[in-house]
Amino acid sequence: MKQFGYYCLILALTMTSCSSQQGARKKNTEQISMISLSKTPCFGTCPAYTIEIDKNCIVKLDAVAHVPNDMKGKYKTNLPEKEWMLIVDKLESMQFKNLQDQYGNRQITDLPSVNTMITFAEGETKKINDYGARGTEELSVLYTYADSLVRALDWEPVSSN
């Protein structure tokens, strides 16, 4: 009987821990209201686009040049909520607010930039200009993830009315 009480205590602690982690994760996702990532062109075939994702999982894409599937123009789609949470988790784990505002060697020409802006629920924004797209390893992972979203999501063209 004593062991049964011990197992119940462990189970209760585990459930409380999981629910508090879920609560913290939900709180983090509510702190970010918009994520914007723009890749600028280079003299070659670098993809150039802007992708914006809001807290309601609405995604907008402005495809400029060399975007997969030869997309050009404005598109929209919805992001699964689990993907939004994954992005927010990535931003939280890299401590995005504490990263530098600029990265890269401006004396090298023909490198694309990545401009990332996070808008927080209270209206504060954090912007990073990464010339050459090699700021930190975590930022590189974020850029690769954005590229994969551009390729994988089911985009609908937006009429230019």
Protein backbone atom coordinates (compact mmCIF):
# COMPACT_ATOMS: atom_id res chain seq x y z
CA MET A 1 0.00 0.00 0.00
CA LYS A 2 2.88 2.32 0.78
CA GLN A 3 4.27 1.76 -2.73
CA PHE A 4 0.88 2.59 -4.26
CA GLY A 5 0.87 5.94 -2.47
CA TYR A 6 4.41 6.59 -3.69
CA TYR A 7 3.40 5.85 -7.31
CA CYS A 8 0.35 8.12 -6.99
CA LEU A 9 2.59 10.93 -5.72
CA ILE A 10 5.02 10.47 -8.66
CA LEU A 11 2.11 10.42 -11.12
CA ALA A 12 0.59 13.59 -9.62
CA LEU A 13 3.94 15.41 -9.75
CA THR A 14 4.49 14.32 -13.35
CA MET A 15 1.04 15.50 -14.41
CA THR A 16 1.50 18.83 -12.61
CA SER A 17 4.90 19.29 -14.23
CA CYS A 18 3.53 18.56 -17.71
CA SER A 19 0.60 20.92 -17.30
CA SER A 20 2.84 23.72 -16.00
CA GLN A 21 5.17 23.21 -18.99
CA GLN A 22 2.17 23.41 -21.32
CA GLY A 23 1.03 26.55 -19.52
CA ALA A 24 4.49 28.11 -19.90
CA ARG A 25 4.58 27.15 -23.59
CA LYS A 26 1.12 28.67 -24.13
CA LYS A 27 2.26 31.84 -22.35
CA ASN A 28 5.33 32.08 -24.61
CA THR A 29 3.25 31.66 -27.76
CA GLU A 30 0.95 34.45 -26.56
CA GLN A 31 3.91 36.81 -26.05
CA ILE A 32 4.76 36.89 -29.77
CA SER A 33 2.20 38.38 -32.12
CA MET A 34 4.09 38.46 -35.47
CA ILE A 35 7.18 36.93 -37.03
CA SER A 36 8.57 38.44 -40.23
CA LEU A 37 11.57 37.16 -42.16
CA SER A 38 12.82 38.79 -45.39
CA LYS A 39 15.54 37.38 -47.59
CA THR A 40 17.10 39.97 -49.91
CA PRO A 41 18.37 39.26 -53.42
CA CYS A 42 21.97 38.79 -54.49
CA PHE A 43 23.55 38.97 -57.96
CA GLY A 44 22.92 35.23 -58.40
CA THR A 45 19.99 32.93 -57.70
CA CYS A 46 19.47 33.58 -54.00
CA PRO A 47 15.81 33.26 -53.04
CA ALA A 48 14.28 36.65 -52.26
CA TYR A 49 11.02 36.74 -50.34
CA THR A 50 9.26 37.99 -47.23
CA ILE A 51 7.27 35.62 -45.07
CA GLU A 52 5.05 36.88 -42.24
CA ILE A 53 3.36 34.66 -39.69
CA ASP A 54 0.94 36.06 -37.15
CA LYS A 55 -0.20 34.57 -33.85
CA ASN A 56 -3.41 33.35 -35.52
CA CYS A 57 -1.24 31.16 -37.79
CA ILE A 58 -2.02 33.19 -40.91
CA VAL A 59 1.00 33.21 -43.21
CA LYS A 60 1.66 35.74 -45.96
CA LEU A 61 4.35 35.37 -48.57
CA ASP A 62 5.70 38.01 -50.94
CA ALA A 63 7.76 35.99 -53.43
CA VAL A 64 10.23 38.27 -55.26
CA ALA A 65 12.76 36.06 -57.06
CA HIS A 66 14.14 32.52 -57.20
CA VAL A 67 11.47 31.16 -54.88
CA PRO A 68 10.68 27.42 -55.12
CA ASN A 69 8.01 26.40 -57.63
CA ASP A 70 8.71 29.63 -59.56
CA MET A 71 6.34 31.55 -57.32
CA LYS A 72 6.21 35.32 -57.75
CA GLY A 73 3.83 37.74 -56.14
CA LYS A 74 1.71 37.58 -53.01
CA TYR A 75 0.39 34.38 -51.45
CA LYS A 76 -1.30 33.32 -48.24
CA THR A 77 -1.95 30.14 -46.30
CA ASN A 78 -2.54 28.85 -42.79
CA LEU A 79 0.11 27.33 -40.58
CA PRO A 80 -0.70 24.40 -38.32
CA GLU A 81 -0.66 25.58 -34.70
CA LYS A 82 2.00 23.02 -33.78
CA GLU A 83 4.32 24.67 -36.33
CA TRP A 84 3.69 28.09 -34.77
CA MET A 85 4.54 26.65 -31.36
CA LEU A 86 7.71 25.08 -32.80
CA ILE A 87 8.84 28.44 -34.21
CA VAL A 88 8.11 30.24 -30.95
CA ASP A 89 10.02 27.55 -29.05
CA LYS A 90 13.00 28.05 -31.39
CA LEU A 91 12.90 31.81 -30.81
CA GLU A 92 12.66 31.36 -27.05
CA SER A 93 15.48 28.81 -26.89
CA MET A 94 17.83 31.07 -28.88
CA GLN A 95 16.87 34.02 -26.65
CA PHE A 96 16.01 36.08 -29.71
CA LYS A 97 15.53 39.29 -27.72
CA ASN A 98 19.15 39.10 -26.54
CA LEU A 99 20.77 38.57 -29.95
CA GLN A 100 22.71 41.35 -31.64
CA ASP A 101 20.85 43.71 -33.95
CA GLN A 102 23.34 43.22 -36.80
CA TYR A 103 25.60 40.46 -38.07
CA GLY A 104 27.90 40.14 -41.07
CA ASN A 105 30.87 41.72 -42.80
CA ARG A 106 29.65 44.59 -44.97
CA GLN A 107 32.99 44.82 -46.80
CA ILE A 108 32.10 41.67 -48.74
CA THR A 109 29.72 42.43 -51.59
CA ASP A 110 26.99 40.35 -53.23
CA LEU A 111 25.79 38.60 -50.11
CA PRO A 112 22.08 38.44 -49.38
CA SER A 113 20.74 39.68 -46.07
CA VAL A 114 18.10 38.21 -43.87
CA ASN A 115 16.00 40.73 -41.97
CA THR A 116 14.07 39.20 -39.12
CA MET A 117 11.55 41.07 -37.01
CA ILE A 118 9.59 39.75 -34.07
CA THR A 119 6.66 41.78 -32.77
CA PHE A 120 5.72 41.03 -29.21
CA ALA A 121 2.22 41.22 -27.77
CA GLU A 122 2.99 44.41 -25.84
CA GLY A 123 4.01 46.12 -29.11
CA GLU A 124 7.79 45.91 -28.67
CA THR A 125 9.78 44.75 -31.69
CA LYS A 126 13.18 43.14 -32.09
CA LYS A 127 14.88 43.43 -35.48
CA ILE A 128 17.98 41.64 -36.73
CA ASN A 129 19.80 42.40 -39.98
CA ASP A 130 22.04 39.46 -40.87
CA TYR A 131 24.24 40.31 -43.86
CA GLY A 132 25.42 37.03 -45.35
CA ALA A 133 22.91 34.97 -43.33
CA ARG A 134 25.56 33.57 -40.99
CA GLY A 135 24.83 35.41 -37.75
CA THR A 136 24.50 32.49 -35.35
CA GLU A 137 23.91 28.79 -35.74
CA GLU A 138 20.41 29.18 -34.29
CA LEU A 139 19.55 31.93 -36.78
CA SER A 140 20.79 29.73 -39.64
CA VAL A 141 18.44 26.99 -38.44
CA LEU A 142 15.59 29.50 -38.38
CA TYR A 143 16.37 30.60 -41.97
CA THR A 144 16.46 27.00 -43.17
CA TYR A 145 13.16 26.38 -41.43
CA ALA A 146 11.60 29.42 -43.16
CA ASP A 147 12.84 28.08 -46.53
CA SER A 148 11.25 24.72 -45.77
CA LEU A 149 7.93 26.42 -44.97
CA VAL A 150 8.03 28.32 -48.26
CA ARG A 151 8.56 25.02 -50.09
CA ALA A 152 6.13 22.88 -48.11
CA LEU A 153 3.04 24.99 -47.42
CA ASP A 154 0.05 24.96 -49.75
CA TRP A 155 -0.01 28.57 -50.97
CA GLU A 156 -3.01 30.41 -52.45
CA PRO A 157 -2.29 33.40 -54.71
CA VAL A 158 -3.66 36.69 -53.40
CA SER A 159 -5.35 38.89 -55.97
CA SER A 160 -3.87 42.36 -56.31
CA ASN A 161 -7.11 44.30 -55.84
